[in-house]
Amino acid sequence: MSNKTNYSYVGMAFIILVFGIIFVPKIVDRIKNKDISRSDRMSQGQDNNFKDNNDLVFLEINGEPKKVPEFSFTDQNGQTITNKDYLGKVYVVEFFFTTCPSICPKMNRNLVEIQNAFKGNTDFGVASFSINPEHDTMEVLKDYASKYGITNPNWHLLTGEKEDIYKLANEGFNLYTAQDDEAEGGFEHSGNFALIDKNGFIRSRILNGNPVIYYNGIISEAEKVDEDGQEEQISMLKEDIKKLLNE
């Protein structure tokens, strides 16, 4: 073996030693402090060590956990409700409107089912933001709550300035919302629910190696699957609410 080859091996060994001294402790420290980002987890592929049914991860934007933005709206009882009123509670977020002829009734029947599953739990709530606030006044929302059997005192049906609500939906939660006169009912919006933890962070689970960022709110547990073969996620959402309540 030539001296040149010996020098190469010595050089490689030195690089490996330096890497171990500098980087390995940092990696271990990140794992101990659970400071593993979603991109880190996703890069691990199918050989990761977390279980689909156990880990609820944070939605991360530019490496930072996504937190619910500040908001302030009026609920069905005329009370001013802000994001701070939900701190210490696990809650579900939806965007809807009371005259919706298609998906909103399904979404809210599913939310009532979830409400009843956590009946009496004062740490659980729902935030329902109307995307047609000009029509959905406090009185209209109160009637809607009565019609659907909304009884949880932490379930607030919220109305306010349309611009603020649409910004909250499209930028704050990345849940699509738009007024469209050609759409059924005059509005388009996501049929998904967002799950928020007690500290105001958006949370989701890992399923088949991928994050379920939002939960389908349209398909009921009883239906199991829709006509396109998509499976319901209400049972999954119930499980994850319980996990966050126990955190």
C-alpha atoms as a PDB file:
ATOM      1  CA  MET A   1       0.000   0.000   0.000  1.00  0.00           C
ATOM      2  CA  SER A   2       1.473   3.395  -1.002  1.00  0.00           C
ATOM      3  CA  ASN A   3       2.051   6.297   1.371  1.00  0.00           C
ATOM      4  CA  LYS A   4      -0.508   8.283  -0.650  1.00  0.00           C
ATOM      5  CA  THR A   5      -3.167   5.671   0.106  1.00  0.00           C
ATOM      6  CA  ASN A   6      -2.227   5.667   3.796  1.00  0.00           C
ATOM      7  CA  TYR A   7      -2.625   9.427   3.927  1.00  0.00           C
ATOM      8  CA  SER A   8      -6.064   9.122   2.309  1.00  0.00           C
ATOM      9  CA  TYR A   9      -7.264   6.665   4.962  1.00  0.00           C
ATOM     10  CA  VAL A  10      -5.877   8.847   7.724  1.00  0.00           C
ATOM     11  CA  GLY A  11      -7.651  11.855   6.251  1.00  0.00           C
ATOM     12  CA  MET A  12     -10.987  10.018   6.014  1.00  0.00           C
ATOM     13  CA  ALA A  13     -10.671   8.750   9.587  1.00  0.00           C
ATOM     14  CA  PHE A  14      -9.986  12.289  10.795  1.00  0.00           C
ATOM     15  CA  ILE A  15     -13.088  13.648   8.973  1.00  0.00           C
ATOM     16  CA  ILE A  16     -15.282  10.897  10.439  1.00  0.00           C
ATOM     17  CA  LEU A  17     -13.915  11.605  13.924  1.00  0.00           C
ATOM     18  CA  VAL A  18     -14.613  15.337  13.588  1.00  0.00           C
ATOM     19  CA  PHE A  19     -18.154  14.633  12.323  1.00  0.00           C
ATOM     20  CA  GLY A  20     -18.796  12.370  15.304  1.00  0.00           C
ATOM     21  CA  ILE A  21     -17.505  14.932  17.802  1.00  0.00           C
ATOM     22  CA  ILE A  22     -19.408  17.901  16.331  1.00  0.00           C
ATOM     23  CA  PHE A  23     -22.633  16.558  14.859  1.00  0.00           C
ATOM     24  CA  VAL A  24     -23.645  13.369  16.663  1.00  0.00           C
ATOM     25  CA  PRO A  25     -24.176  15.048  20.064  1.00  0.00           C
ATOM     26  CA  LYS A  26     -26.351  17.671  18.342  1.00  0.00           C
ATOM     27  CA  ILE A  27     -28.477  15.014  16.648  1.00  0.00           C
ATOM     28  CA  VAL A  28     -28.874  13.124  19.923  1.00  0.00           C
ATOM     29  CA  ASP A  29     -29.799  16.345  21.698  1.00  0.00           C
ATOM     30  CA  ARG A  30     -32.488  17.089  19.061  1.00  0.00           C
ATOM     31  CA  ILE A  31     -33.970  13.643  19.515  1.00  0.00           C
ATOM     32  CA  LYS A  32     -33.985  13.952  23.320  1.00  0.00           C
ATOM     33  CA  ASN A  33     -35.753  17.286  23.056  1.00  0.00           C
ATOM     34  CA  LYS A  34     -38.120  15.970  20.342  1.00  0.00           C
ATOM     35  CA  ASP A  35     -36.888  18.756  18.062  1.00  0.00           C
ATOM     36  CA  ILE A  36     -37.395  16.734  14.882  1.00  0.00           C
ATOM     37  CA  SER A  37     -39.159  18.672  12.149  1.00  0.00           C
ATOM     38  CA  ARG A  38     -41.760  17.257   9.776  1.00  0.00           C
ATOM     39  CA  SER A  39     -39.253  17.321   6.906  1.00  0.00           C
ATOM     40  CA  ASP A  40     -36.861  15.258   9.036  1.00  0.00           C
ATOM     41  CA  ARG A  41     -39.571  12.696   9.722  1.00  0.00           C
ATOM     42  CA  MET A  42     -40.688  12.538   6.115  1.00  0.00           C
ATOM     43  CA  SER A  43     -37.127  11.966   4.916  1.00  0.00           C
ATOM     44  CA  GLN A  44     -36.935   8.804   7.015  1.00  0.00           C
ATOM     45  CA  GLY A  45     -39.332   7.002   4.674  1.00  0.00           C
ATOM     46  CA  GLN A  46     -41.105   3.828   5.777  1.00  0.00           C
ATOM     47  CA  ASP A  47     -38.328   2.738   8.150  1.00  0.00           C
ATOM     48  CA  ASN A  48     -39.180   5.330  10.792  1.00  0.00           C
ATOM     49  CA  ASN A  49     -39.649   4.429  14.440  1.00  0.00           C
ATOM     50  CA  PHE A  50     -42.916   6.243  15.116  1.00  0.00           C
ATOM     51  CA  LYS A  51     -46.282   4.521  14.980  1.00  0.00           C
ATOM     52  CA  ASP A  52     -49.106   5.868  12.824  1.00  0.00           C
ATOM     53  CA  ASN A  53     -51.605   5.841  15.672  1.00  0.00           C
ATOM     54  CA  ASN A  54     -49.408   7.383  18.357  1.00  0.00           C
ATOM     55  CA  ASP A  55     -47.690  10.495  17.040  1.00  0.00           C
ATOM     56  CA  LEU A  56     -49.422  13.832  16.552  1.00  0.00           C
ATOM     57  CA  VAL A  57     -46.993  16.165  14.849  1.00  0.00           C
ATOM     58  CA  PHE A  58     -46.970  19.921  14.389  1.00  0.00           C
ATOM     59  CA  LEU A  59     -47.763  21.608  11.102  1.00  0.00           C
ATOM     60  CA  GLU A  60     -44.522  23.397  10.320  1.00  0.00           C
ATOM     61  CA  ILE A  61     -44.028  26.393   8.038  1.00  0.00           C
ATOM     62  CA  ASN A  62     -40.399  27.317   7.288  1.00  0.00           C
ATOM     63  CA  GLY A  63     -39.305  25.094  10.156  1.00  0.00           C
ATOM     64  CA  GLU A  64     -41.577  26.732  12.726  1.00  0.00           C
ATOM     65  CA  PRO A  65     -44.685  25.117  14.268  1.00  0.00           C
ATOM     66  CA  LYS A  66     -47.791  26.792  12.842  1.00  0.00           C
ATOM     67  CA  LYS A  67     -49.840  28.577  15.474  1.00  0.00           C
ATOM     68  CA  VAL A  68     -53.386  29.888  15.136  1.00  0.00           C
ATOM     69  CA  PRO A  69     -53.200  33.620  14.325  1.00  0.00           C
ATOM     70  CA  GLU A  70     -54.850  36.151  16.563  1.00  0.00           C
ATOM     71  CA  PHE A  71     -58.550  36.685  15.823  1.00  0.00           C
ATOM     72  CA  SER A  72     -61.548  38.413  17.364  1.00  0.00           C
ATOM     73  CA  PHE A  73     -65.142  37.809  16.272  1.00  0.00           C
ATOM     74  CA  THR A  74     -68.687  37.776  17.661  1.00  0.00           C
ATOM     75  CA  ASP A  75     -70.411  34.485  18.486  1.00  0.00           C
ATOM     76  CA  GLN A  76     -74.045  33.372  18.438  1.00  0.00           C
ATOM     77  CA  ASN A  77     -74.572  34.750  21.933  1.00  0.00           C
ATOM     78  CA  GLY A  78     -73.205  38.194  21.150  1.00  0.00           C
ATOM     79  CA  GLN A  79     -69.936  37.564  22.983  1.00  0.00           C
ATOM     80  CA  THR A  80     -66.564  38.675  21.640  1.00  0.00           C
ATOM     81  CA  ILE A  81     -64.453  35.548  21.207  1.00  0.00           C
ATOM     82  CA  THR A  82     -60.720  35.610  20.516  1.00  0.00           C
ATOM     83  CA  ASN A  83     -58.040  32.968  20.032  1.00  0.00           C
ATOM     84  CA  LYS A  84     -57.073  33.513  23.674  1.00  0.00           C
ATOM     85  CA  ASP A  85     -60.462  32.159  24.797  1.00  0.00           C
ATOM     86  CA  TYR A  86     -59.417  28.779  23.356  1.00  0.00           C
ATOM     87  CA  LEU A  87     -56.050  28.571  25.122  1.00  0.00           C
ATOM     88  CA  GLY A  88     -56.025  25.551  27.424  1.00  0.00           C
ATOM     89  CA  LYS A  89     -58.595  23.811  25.230  1.00  0.00           C
ATOM     90  CA  VAL A  90     -58.378  21.330  22.385  1.00  0.00           C
ATOM     91  CA  TYR A  91     -60.619  22.483  19.562  1.00  0.00           C
ATOM     92  CA  VAL A  92     -61.694  21.883  15.981  1.00  0.00           C
ATOM     93  CA  VAL A  93     -61.875  24.669  13.386  1.00  0.00           C
ATOM     94  CA  GLU A  94     -64.229  24.808  10.402  1.00  0.00           C
ATOM     95  CA  PHE A  95     -65.338  27.418   7.857  1.00  0.00           C
ATOM     96  CA  PHE A  96     -68.995  27.216   6.820  1.00  0.00           C
ATOM     97  CA  PHE A  97     -72.151  29.246   6.119  1.00  0.00           C
ATOM     98  CA  THR A  98     -75.687  28.667   7.347  1.00  0.00           C
ATOM     99  CA  THR A  99     -77.360  28.653   3.915  1.00  0.00           C
ATOM    100  CA  CYS A 100     -74.904  26.138   2.472  1.00  0.00           C
ATOM    101  CA  PRO A 101     -76.926  23.562   0.500  1.00  0.00           C
ATOM    102  CA  SER A 102     -74.221  20.925   0.163  1.00  0.00           C
ATOM    103  CA  ILE A 103     -71.341  20.038   2.484  1.00  0.00           C
ATOM    104  CA  CYS A 104     -71.936  22.268   5.543  1.00  0.00           C
ATOM    105  CA  PRO A 105     -74.888  20.264   6.909  1.00  0.00           C
ATOM    106  CA  LYS A 106     -72.770  17.105   6.707  1.00  0.00           C
ATOM    107  CA  MET A 107     -69.817  18.792   8.387  1.00  0.00           C
ATOM    108  CA  ASN A 108     -71.891  20.145  11.246  1.00  0.00           C
ATOM    109  CA  ARG A 109     -73.734  16.878  11.841  1.00  0.00           C
ATOM    110  CA  ASN A 110     -70.319  15.249  12.150  1.00  0.00           C
ATOM    111  CA  LEU A 111     -69.171  17.966  14.534  1.00  0.00           C
ATOM    112  CA  VAL A 112     -72.278  17.474  16.672  1.00  0.00           C
ATOM    113  CA  GLU A 113     -71.418  13.775  16.835  1.00  0.00           C
ATOM    114  CA  ILE A 114     -67.919  14.721  18.008  1.00  0.00           C
ATOM    115  CA  GLN A 115     -69.418  17.197  20.491  1.00  0.00           C
ATOM    116  CA  ASN A 116     -71.560  14.448  21.979  1.00  0.00           C
ATOM    117  CA  ALA A 117     -68.589  12.084  22.193  1.00  0.00           C
ATOM    118  CA  PHE A 118     -66.863  14.604  24.498  1.00  0.00           C
ATOM    119  CA  LYS A 119     -69.967  15.751  26.322  1.00  0.00           C
ATOM    120  CA  GLY A 120     -69.160  17.374  29.654  1.00  0.00           C
ATOM    121  CA  ASN A 121     -65.466  17.856  28.846  1.00  0.00           C
ATOM    122  CA  THR A 122     -64.825  21.535  29.479  1.00  0.00           C
ATOM    123  CA  ASP A 123     -61.437  21.360  27.729  1.00  0.00           C
ATOM    124  CA  PHE A 124     -62.955  20.624  24.313  1.00  0.00           C
ATOM    125  CA  GLY A 125     -64.439  23.157  21.913  1.00  0.00           C
ATOM    126  CA  VAL A 126     -65.228  24.085  18.317  1.00  0.00           C
ATOM    127  CA  ALA A 127     -64.699  27.304  16.352  1.00  0.00           C
ATOM    128  CA  SER A 128     -67.061  27.661  13.373  1.00  0.00           C
ATOM    129  CA  PHE A 129     -66.320  30.725  11.237  1.00  0.00           C
ATOM    130  CA  SER A 130     -69.058  31.914   8.885  1.00  0.00           C
ATOM    131  CA  ILE A 131     -67.823  32.840   5.406  1.00  0.00           C
ATOM    132  CA  ASN A 132     -71.094  34.714   4.745  1.00  0.00           C
ATOM    133  CA  PRO A 133     -71.114  37.100   7.698  1.00  0.00           C
ATOM    134  CA  GLU A 134     -73.410  39.604   5.978  1.00  0.00           C
ATOM    135  CA  HIS A 135     -76.225  37.049   6.237  1.00  0.00           C
ATOM    136  CA  ASP A 136     -75.006  35.072   9.240  1.00  0.00           C
ATOM    137  CA  THR A 137     -75.737  37.510  12.020  1.00  0.00           C
ATOM    138  CA  MET A 138     -75.689  36.649  15.696  1.00  0.00           C
ATOM    139  CA  GLU A 139     -79.420  35.841  15.569  1.00  0.00           C
ATOM    140  CA  VAL A 140     -79.061  33.611  12.501  1.00  0.00           C
ATOM    141  CA  LEU A 141     -76.170  31.726  14.071  1.00  0.00           C
ATOM    142  CA  LYS A 142     -78.105  31.254  17.304  1.00  0.00           C
ATOM    143  CA  ASP A 143     -81.018  29.688  15.403  1.00  0.00           C
ATOM    144  CA  TYR A 144     -78.597  27.488  13.482  1.00  0.00           C
ATOM    145  CA  ALA A 145     -77.013  26.285  16.728  1.00  0.00           C
ATOM    146  CA  SER A 146     -80.419  25.384  18.106  1.00  0.00           C
ATOM    147  CA  LYS A 147     -81.403  23.583  14.902  1.00  0.00           C
ATOM    148  CA  TYR A 148     -78.297  21.385  14.922  1.00  0.00           C
ATOM    149  CA  GLY A 149     -78.254  20.652  18.649  1.00  0.00           C
ATOM    150  CA  ILE A 150     -75.117  22.615  19.429  1.00  0.00           C
ATOM    151  CA  THR A 151     -74.909  22.620  23.225  1.00  0.00           C
ATOM    152  CA  ASN A 152     -71.196  22.734  24.064  1.00  0.00           C
ATOM    153  CA  PRO A 153     -70.554  26.167  25.658  1.00  0.00           C
ATOM    154  CA  ASN A 154     -67.119  26.145  24.013  1.00  0.00           C
ATOM    155  CA  TRP A 155     -68.606  25.801  20.518  1.00  0.00           C
ATOM    156  CA  HIS A 156     -68.669  29.321  19.118  1.00  0.00           C
ATOM    157  CA  LEU A 157     -70.264  30.131  15.756  1.00  0.00           C
ATOM    158  CA  LEU A 158     -68.425  33.269  14.736  1.00  0.00           C
ATOM    159  CA  THR A 159     -69.234  36.225  12.520  1.00  0.00           C
ATOM    160  CA  GLY A 160     -67.445  39.476  11.730  1.00  0.00           C
ATOM    161  CA  GLU A 161     -65.759  41.331   8.891  1.00  0.00           C
ATOM    162  CA  LYS A 162     -65.655  39.185   5.753  1.00  0.00           C
ATOM    163  CA  GLU A 163     -62.130  40.319   4.843  1.00  0.00           C
ATOM    164  CA  ASP A 164     -60.817  39.249   8.240  1.00  0.00           C
ATOM    165  CA  ILE A 165     -62.528  35.846   8.061  1.00  0.00           C
ATOM    166  CA  TYR A 166     -61.255  35.119   4.564  1.00  0.00           C
ATOM    167  CA  LYS A 167     -57.722  36.111   5.536  1.00  0.00           C
ATOM    168  CA  LEU A 168     -57.924  33.829   8.560  1.00  0.00           C
ATOM    169  CA  ALA A 169     -59.129  30.936   6.393  1.00  0.00           C
ATOM    170  CA  ASN A 170     -56.816  31.320   3.409  1.00  0.00           C
ATOM    171  CA  GLU A 171     -53.664  32.561   5.125  1.00  0.00           C
ATOM    172  CA  GLY A 172     -54.076  31.618   8.774  1.00  0.00           C
ATOM    173  CA  PHE A 173     -55.221  28.035   8.191  1.00  0.00           C
ATOM    174  CA  ASN A 174     -54.618  27.508   4.464  1.00  0.00           C
ATOM    175  CA  LEU A 175     -58.221  26.298   4.186  1.00  0.00           C
ATOM    176  CA  TYR A 176     -59.600  27.558   0.875  1.00  0.00           C
ATOM    177  CA  THR A 177     -62.507  30.009   1.052  1.00  0.00           C
ATOM    178  CA  ALA A 178     -63.957  32.240  -1.666  1.00  0.00           C
ATOM    179  CA  GLN A 179     -67.154  33.915  -2.774  1.00  0.00           C
ATOM    180  CA  ASP A 180     -68.248  32.543  -6.138  1.00  0.00           C
ATOM    181  CA  ASP A 181     -71.656  33.396  -7.569  1.00  0.00           C
ATOM    182  CA  GLU A 182     -71.471  30.369  -9.861  1.00  0.00           C
ATOM    183  CA  ALA A 183     -70.818  27.942  -7.004  1.00  0.00           C
ATOM    184  CA  GLU A 184     -73.665  26.147  -5.258  1.00  0.00           C
ATOM    185  CA  GLY A 185     -74.874  28.491  -2.538  1.00  0.00           C
ATOM    186  CA  GLY A 186     -72.648  31.313  -3.801  1.00  0.00           C
ATOM    187  CA  PHE A 187     -69.493  30.302  -1.919  1.00  0.00           C
ATOM    188  CA  GLU A 188     -66.657  27.812  -2.173  1.00  0.00           C
ATOM    189  CA  HIS A 189     -64.817  26.462   0.844  1.00  0.00           C
ATOM    190  CA  SER A 190     -62.874  23.520   2.180  1.00  0.00           C
ATOM    191  CA  GLY A 191     -64.731  20.622   3.742  1.00  0.00           C
ATOM    192  CA  ASN A 192     -61.811  19.913   6.068  1.00  0.00           C
ATOM    193  CA  PHE A 193     -61.363  20.428   9.802  1.00  0.00           C
ATOM    194  CA  ALA A 194     -58.236  21.714  11.533  1.00  0.00           C
ATOM    195  CA  LEU A 195     -57.258  20.330  14.941  1.00  0.00           C
ATOM    196  CA  ILE A 196     -55.737  22.725  17.475  1.00  0.00           C
ATOM    197  CA  ASP A 197     -53.955  21.786  20.702  1.00  0.00           C
ATOM    198  CA  LYS A 198     -54.164  23.470  24.116  1.00  0.00           C
ATOM    199  CA  ASN A 199     -51.321  25.855  23.257  1.00  0.00           C
ATOM    200  CA  GLY A 200     -52.870  27.021  19.999  1.00  0.00           C
ATOM    201  CA  PHE A 201     -50.776  24.924  17.583  1.00  0.00           C
ATOM    202  CA  ILE A 202     -52.206  23.124  14.552  1.00  0.00           C
ATOM    203  CA  ARG A 203     -51.645  19.380  14.975  1.00  0.00           C
ATOM    204  CA  SER A 204     -52.008  16.303  12.776  1.00  0.00           C
ATOM    205  CA  ARG A 205     -51.166  12.614  12.712  1.00  0.00           C
ATOM    206  CA  ILE A 206     -48.896  10.533  10.524  1.00  0.00           C
ATOM    207  CA  LEU A 207     -50.751   8.014   8.366  1.00  0.00           C
ATOM    208  CA  ASN A 208     -48.934   5.560   6.113  1.00  0.00           C
ATOM    209  CA  GLY A 209     -45.800   7.658   6.424  1.00  0.00           C
ATOM    210  CA  ASN A 210     -47.512  10.917   5.456  1.00  0.00           C
ATOM    211  CA  PRO A 211     -48.990  13.744   7.549  1.00  0.00           C
ATOM    212  CA  VAL A 212     -52.761  14.133   7.670  1.00  0.00           C
ATOM    213  CA  ILE A 213     -52.645  17.911   7.897  1.00  0.00           C
ATOM    214  CA  TYR A 214     -56.430  18.360   7.960  1.00  0.00           C
ATOM    215  CA  TYR A 215     -59.294  15.957   8.572  1.00  0.00           C
ATOM    216  CA  ASN A 216     -62.088  15.293   6.090  1.00  0.00           C
ATOM    217  CA  GLY A 217     -65.219  16.674   7.711  1.00  0.00           C
ATOM    218  CA  ILE A 218     -67.767  15.549   5.140  1.00  0.00           C
ATOM    219  CA  ILE A 219     -67.855  11.745   5.373  1.00  0.00           C
ATOM    220  CA  SER A 220     -69.535  10.378   8.506  1.00  0.00           C
ATOM    221  CA  GLU A 221     -68.440   7.424  10.569  1.00  0.00           C
ATOM    222  CA  ALA A 222     -71.625   5.600   9.572  1.00  0.00           C
ATOM    223  CA  GLU A 223     -70.894   6.073   5.860  1.00  0.00           C
ATOM    224  CA  LYS A 224     -67.342   4.748   6.251  1.00  0.00           C
ATOM    225  CA  VAL A 225     -66.456   5.655   2.641  1.00  0.00           C
ATOM    226  CA  ASP A 226     -67.803   8.067   0.042  1.00  0.00           C
ATOM    227  CA  GLU A 227     -68.715   7.321  -3.564  1.00  0.00           C
ATOM    228  CA  ASP A 228     -65.096   7.878  -4.603  1.00  0.00           C
ATOM    229  CA  GLY A 229     -63.840   5.325  -2.090  1.00  0.00           C
ATOM    230  CA  GLN A 230     -62.343   7.882   0.290  1.00  0.00           C
ATOM    231  CA  GLU A 231     -62.456   6.683   3.895  1.00  0.00           C
ATOM    232  CA  GLU A 232     -64.031   8.679   6.712  1.00  0.00           C
ATOM    233  CA  GLN A 233     -61.729  10.501   9.141  1.00  0.00           C
ATOM    234  CA  ILE A 234     -64.166  11.431  11.919  1.00  0.00           C
ATOM    235  CA  SER A 235     -63.182   8.401  14.002  1.00  0.00           C
ATOM    236  CA  MET A 236     -59.532   9.357  13.491  1.00  0.00           C
ATOM    237  CA  LEU A 237     -60.280  12.916  14.594  1.00  0.00           C
ATOM    238  CA  LYS A 238     -62.006  11.680  17.759  1.00  0.00           C
ATOM    239  CA  GLU A 239     -58.958   9.585  18.637  1.00  0.00           C
ATOM    240  CA  ASP A 240     -56.623  12.523  18.101  1.00  0.00           C
ATOM    241  CA  ILE A 241     -58.758  14.920  20.138  1.00  0.00           C
ATOM    242  CA  LYS A 242     -58.531  12.462  23.022  1.00  0.00           C
ATOM    243  CA  LYS A 243     -54.747  12.274  22.669  1.00  0.00           C
ATOM    244  CA  LEU A 244     -54.403  16.042  22.816  1.00  0.00           C
ATOM    245  CA  LEU A 245     -56.750  16.266  25.795  1.00  0.00           C
ATOM    246  CA  ASN A 246     -54.412  13.893  27.614  1.00  0.00           C
ATOM    247  CA  GLU A 247     -51.264  15.860  26.768  1.00  0.00           C
END
